[in-house]
Amino acid sequence: MSGSVGPEERSRKLAEALLKGWKMLPETCPVCGSPLFETPGGEVVCAVCGTKVILVSSEEEVRVEEQRLVLERIMRDLIRHLDRILHEAGEELSDDDISRINSLLEAIEKASSIYRSLSRQERRRKLS
């Protein structure tokens, strides 16, 4: 059920989550079977194994969350690539470096715009 965590350690972690003000949810962790908690910041986390979970109630929410996760990964990869170009260029940026940076920034802006649009759509859907 809770893997390599013993019952005393599991109980301690659950109690710590409650003392932090985390709200215990009726859902259980898909990894270890322990109750899930919602943090004050709105994240859903397993207090025992640390797994972060996204709860969805419809196929539409699954689709939106999958798209958001893909966009987050794309933005992280683009930013990592941008950082690598800057690191390799040192103090002098060549025209080629500037062109590549500009292309990456445009791609990051497009991904961010789509991400914001998905977030707005999801908020509107939840309000209706």
C-alpha atoms as a PDB file:
ATOM      1  CA  MET A   1       0.000   0.000   0.000  1.00  0.00           C
ATOM      2  CA  SER A   2       2.490   2.671   1.026  1.00  0.00           C
ATOM      3  CA  GLY A   3       5.571   0.923  -0.334  1.00  0.00           C
ATOM      4  CA  SER A   4       8.722   1.183   1.749  1.00  0.00           C
ATOM      5  CA  VAL A   5       7.279   3.657   4.270  1.00  0.00           C
ATOM      6  CA  GLY A   6       6.396   1.994   7.565  1.00  0.00           C
ATOM      7  CA  PRO A   7       3.092   2.645   9.341  1.00  0.00           C
ATOM      8  CA  GLU A   8       4.641   4.976  11.950  1.00  0.00           C
ATOM      9  CA  GLU A   9       6.398   7.077   9.281  1.00  0.00           C
ATOM     10  CA  ARG A  10       3.194   7.157   7.208  1.00  0.00           C
ATOM     11  CA  SER A  11       1.176   8.355  10.212  1.00  0.00           C
ATOM     12  CA  ARG A  12       3.796  10.995  11.023  1.00  0.00           C
ATOM     13  CA  LYS A  13       3.739  12.369   7.465  1.00  0.00           C
ATOM     14  CA  LEU A  14      -0.073  12.473   7.394  1.00  0.00           C
ATOM     15  CA  ALA A  15      -0.144  14.299  10.747  1.00  0.00           C
ATOM     16  CA  GLU A  16       2.483  16.800   9.530  1.00  0.00           C
ATOM     17  CA  ALA A  17       0.370  17.566   6.462  1.00  0.00           C
ATOM     18  CA  LEU A  18      -2.655  18.284   8.656  1.00  0.00           C
ATOM     19  CA  LEU A  19      -0.580  20.473  10.967  1.00  0.00           C
ATOM     20  CA  LYS A  20       0.598  22.463   7.933  1.00  0.00           C
ATOM     21  CA  GLY A  21      -3.042  23.217   7.198  1.00  0.00           C
ATOM     22  CA  TRP A  22      -3.297  20.927   4.198  1.00  0.00           C
ATOM     23  CA  LYS A  23      -6.829  19.723   3.420  1.00  0.00           C
ATOM     24  CA  MET A  24      -7.257  15.944   3.272  1.00  0.00           C
ATOM     25  CA  LEU A  25      -9.146  14.843   0.165  1.00  0.00           C
ATOM     26  CA  PRO A  26     -11.257  11.721  -0.385  1.00  0.00           C
ATOM     27  CA  GLU A  27      -9.044  10.646  -3.312  1.00  0.00           C
ATOM     28  CA  THR A  28      -6.012   8.426  -2.799  1.00  0.00           C
ATOM     29  CA  CYS A  29      -2.513   8.516  -4.242  1.00  0.00           C
ATOM     30  CA  PRO A  30      -2.142   6.441  -7.420  1.00  0.00           C
ATOM     31  CA  VAL A  31       1.392   5.500  -6.331  1.00  0.00           C
ATOM     32  CA  CYS A  32       1.137   4.508  -2.671  1.00  0.00           C
ATOM     33  CA  GLY A  33      -2.602   4.526  -1.858  1.00  0.00           C
ATOM     34  CA  SER A  34      -2.363   7.150   0.894  1.00  0.00           C
ATOM     35  CA  PRO A  35      -4.899   9.988   1.145  1.00  0.00           C
ATOM     36  CA  LEU A  36      -4.186  12.988  -1.069  1.00  0.00           C
ATOM     37  CA  PHE A  37      -3.975  16.522   0.310  1.00  0.00           C
ATOM     38  CA  GLU A  38      -4.626  19.964  -1.138  1.00  0.00           C
ATOM     39  CA  THR A  39      -2.028  22.508  -0.095  1.00  0.00           C
ATOM     40  CA  PRO A  40      -2.953  26.146   0.652  1.00  0.00           C
ATOM     41  CA  GLY A  41      -1.495  26.943  -2.792  1.00  0.00           C
ATOM     42  CA  GLY A  42      -3.980  24.596  -4.475  1.00  0.00           C
ATOM     43  CA  GLU A  43      -1.571  21.782  -5.357  1.00  0.00           C
ATOM     44  CA  VAL A  44      -2.763  18.206  -4.820  1.00  0.00           C
ATOM     45  CA  VAL A  45       0.023  16.176  -3.206  1.00  0.00           C
ATOM     46  CA  CYS A  46       0.553  12.865  -1.479  1.00  0.00           C
ATOM     47  CA  ALA A  47       2.015  13.671   1.930  1.00  0.00           C
ATOM     48  CA  VAL A  48       3.553  10.204   2.186  1.00  0.00           C
ATOM     49  CA  CYS A  49       5.415   9.725  -1.112  1.00  0.00           C
ATOM     50  CA  GLY A  50       5.381  13.313  -2.442  1.00  0.00           C
ATOM     51  CA  THR A  51       3.599  12.521  -5.711  1.00  0.00           C
ATOM     52  CA  LYS A  52       1.867  15.545  -7.257  1.00  0.00           C
ATOM     53  CA  VAL A  53      -1.519  14.781  -8.799  1.00  0.00           C
ATOM     54  CA  ILE A  54      -3.864  16.645 -11.132  1.00  0.00           C
ATOM     55  CA  LEU A  55      -7.498  15.804 -10.386  1.00  0.00           C
ATOM     56  CA  VAL A  56      -9.921  15.974 -13.298  1.00  0.00           C
ATOM     57  CA  SER A  57     -13.633  15.267 -13.544  1.00  0.00           C
ATOM     58  CA  SER A  58     -14.166  14.941 -17.304  1.00  0.00           C
ATOM     59  CA  GLU A  59     -12.491  13.857 -20.509  1.00  0.00           C
ATOM     60  CA  GLU A  60     -12.363  17.528 -21.550  1.00  0.00           C
ATOM     61  CA  GLU A  61     -10.351  18.368 -18.418  1.00  0.00           C
ATOM     62  CA  VAL A  62      -7.993  15.480 -19.176  1.00  0.00           C
ATOM     63  CA  ARG A  63      -7.418  16.862 -22.694  1.00  0.00           C
ATOM     64  CA  VAL A  64      -6.792  20.397 -21.410  1.00  0.00           C
ATOM     65  CA  GLU A  65      -4.400  19.233 -18.672  1.00  0.00           C
ATOM     66  CA  GLU A  66      -2.476  17.052 -21.131  1.00  0.00           C
ATOM     67  CA  GLN A  67      -2.089  20.040 -23.456  1.00  0.00           C
ATOM     68  CA  ARG A  68      -0.947  22.263 -20.592  1.00  0.00           C
ATOM     69  CA  LEU A  69       1.632  19.693 -19.471  1.00  0.00           C
ATOM     70  CA  VAL A  70       2.994  19.400 -23.022  1.00  0.00           C
ATOM     71  CA  LEU A  71       3.213  23.197 -23.326  1.00  0.00           C
ATOM     72  CA  GLU A  72       5.003  23.436 -19.966  1.00  0.00           C
ATOM     73  CA  ARG A  73       7.552  20.865 -21.160  1.00  0.00           C
ATOM     74  CA  ILE A  74       8.009  22.713 -24.456  1.00  0.00           C
ATOM     75  CA  MET A  75       8.575  26.035 -22.654  1.00  0.00           C
ATOM     76  CA  ARG A  76      11.087  24.451 -20.251  1.00  0.00           C
ATOM     77  CA  ASP A  77      12.988  22.909 -23.179  1.00  0.00           C
ATOM     78  CA  LEU A  78      13.007  26.189 -25.129  1.00  0.00           C
ATOM     79  CA  ILE A  79      14.278  28.108 -22.101  1.00  0.00           C
ATOM     80  CA  ARG A  80      16.975  25.481 -21.501  1.00  0.00           C
ATOM     81  CA  HIS A  81      18.040  25.795 -25.146  1.00  0.00           C
ATOM     82  CA  LEU A  82      18.105  29.597 -24.836  1.00  0.00           C
ATOM     83  CA  ASP A  83      20.249  29.333 -21.716  1.00  0.00           C
ATOM     84  CA  ARG A  84      22.643  26.972 -23.506  1.00  0.00           C
ATOM     85  CA  ILE A  85      23.079  29.433 -26.407  1.00  0.00           C
ATOM     86  CA  LEU A  86      23.776  32.284 -23.991  1.00  0.00           C
ATOM     87  CA  HIS A  87      26.226  30.173 -22.008  1.00  0.00           C
ATOM     88  CA  GLU A  88      28.108  28.996 -25.106  1.00  0.00           C
ATOM     89  CA  ALA A  89      28.248  32.508 -26.605  1.00  0.00           C
ATOM     90  CA  GLY A  90      29.970  33.956 -23.577  1.00  0.00           C
ATOM     91  CA  GLU A  91      30.264  37.746 -23.625  1.00  0.00           C
ATOM     92  CA  GLU A  92      30.008  38.197 -27.422  1.00  0.00           C
ATOM     93  CA  LEU A  93      26.779  37.320 -29.212  1.00  0.00           C
ATOM     94  CA  SER A  94      27.165  36.716 -32.935  1.00  0.00           C
ATOM     95  CA  ASP A  95      24.481  37.650 -35.446  1.00  0.00           C
ATOM     96  CA  ASP A  96      23.662  33.940 -35.689  1.00  0.00           C
ATOM     97  CA  ASP A  97      23.294  33.733 -31.888  1.00  0.00           C
ATOM     98  CA  ILE A  98      20.961  36.740 -31.905  1.00  0.00           C
ATOM     99  CA  SER A  99      18.884  35.220 -34.695  1.00  0.00           C
ATOM    100  CA  ARG A 100      18.584  31.890 -32.836  1.00  0.00           C
ATOM    101  CA  ILE A 101      17.700  33.700 -29.600  1.00  0.00           C
ATOM    102  CA  ASN A 102      15.034  35.723 -31.395  1.00  0.00           C
ATOM    103  CA  SER A 103      13.508  32.546 -32.865  1.00  0.00           C
ATOM    104  CA  LEU A 104      13.478  30.885 -29.453  1.00  0.00           C
ATOM    105  CA  LEU A 105      11.861  33.927 -27.826  1.00  0.00           C
ATOM    106  CA  GLU A 106       9.154  33.934 -30.501  1.00  0.00           C
ATOM    107  CA  ALA A 107       8.502  30.222 -29.890  1.00  0.00           C
ATOM    108  CA  ILE A 108       8.359  30.779 -26.110  1.00  0.00           C
ATOM    109  CA  GLU A 109       5.880  33.636 -26.610  1.00  0.00           C
ATOM    110  CA  LYS A 110       3.662  31.477 -28.843  1.00  0.00           C
ATOM    111  CA  ALA A 111       3.681  28.598 -26.349  1.00  0.00           C
ATOM    112  CA  SER A 112       2.966  31.009 -23.478  1.00  0.00           C
ATOM    113  CA  SER A 113       0.077  32.556 -25.387  1.00  0.00           C
ATOM    114  CA  ILE A 114      -1.488  29.159 -26.063  1.00  0.00           C
ATOM    115  CA  TYR A 115      -0.962  28.178 -22.407  1.00  0.00           C
ATOM    116  CA  ARG A 116      -2.707  31.361 -21.199  1.00  0.00           C
ATOM    117  CA  SER A 117      -5.551  30.751 -23.625  1.00  0.00           C
ATOM    118  CA  LEU A 118      -6.044  27.208 -22.307  1.00  0.00           C
ATOM    119  CA  SER A 119      -6.031  28.541 -18.734  1.00  0.00           C
ATOM    120  CA  ARG A 120      -8.679  31.169 -19.585  1.00  0.00           C
ATOM    121  CA  GLN A 121     -10.859  28.561 -21.320  1.00  0.00           C
ATOM    122  CA  GLU A 122     -10.586  26.249 -18.317  1.00  0.00           C
ATOM    123  CA  ARG A 123     -11.525  29.044 -15.876  1.00  0.00           C
ATOM    124  CA  ARG A 124     -14.551  29.999 -18.005  1.00  0.00           C
ATOM    125  CA  ARG A 125     -15.622  26.350 -18.215  1.00  0.00           C
ATOM    126  CA  LYS A 126     -15.388  25.942 -14.431  1.00  0.00           C
ATOM    127  CA  LEU A 127     -17.471  29.096 -13.860  1.00  0.00           C
ATOM    128  CA  SER A 128     -20.285  27.929 -16.129  1.00  0.00           C
END
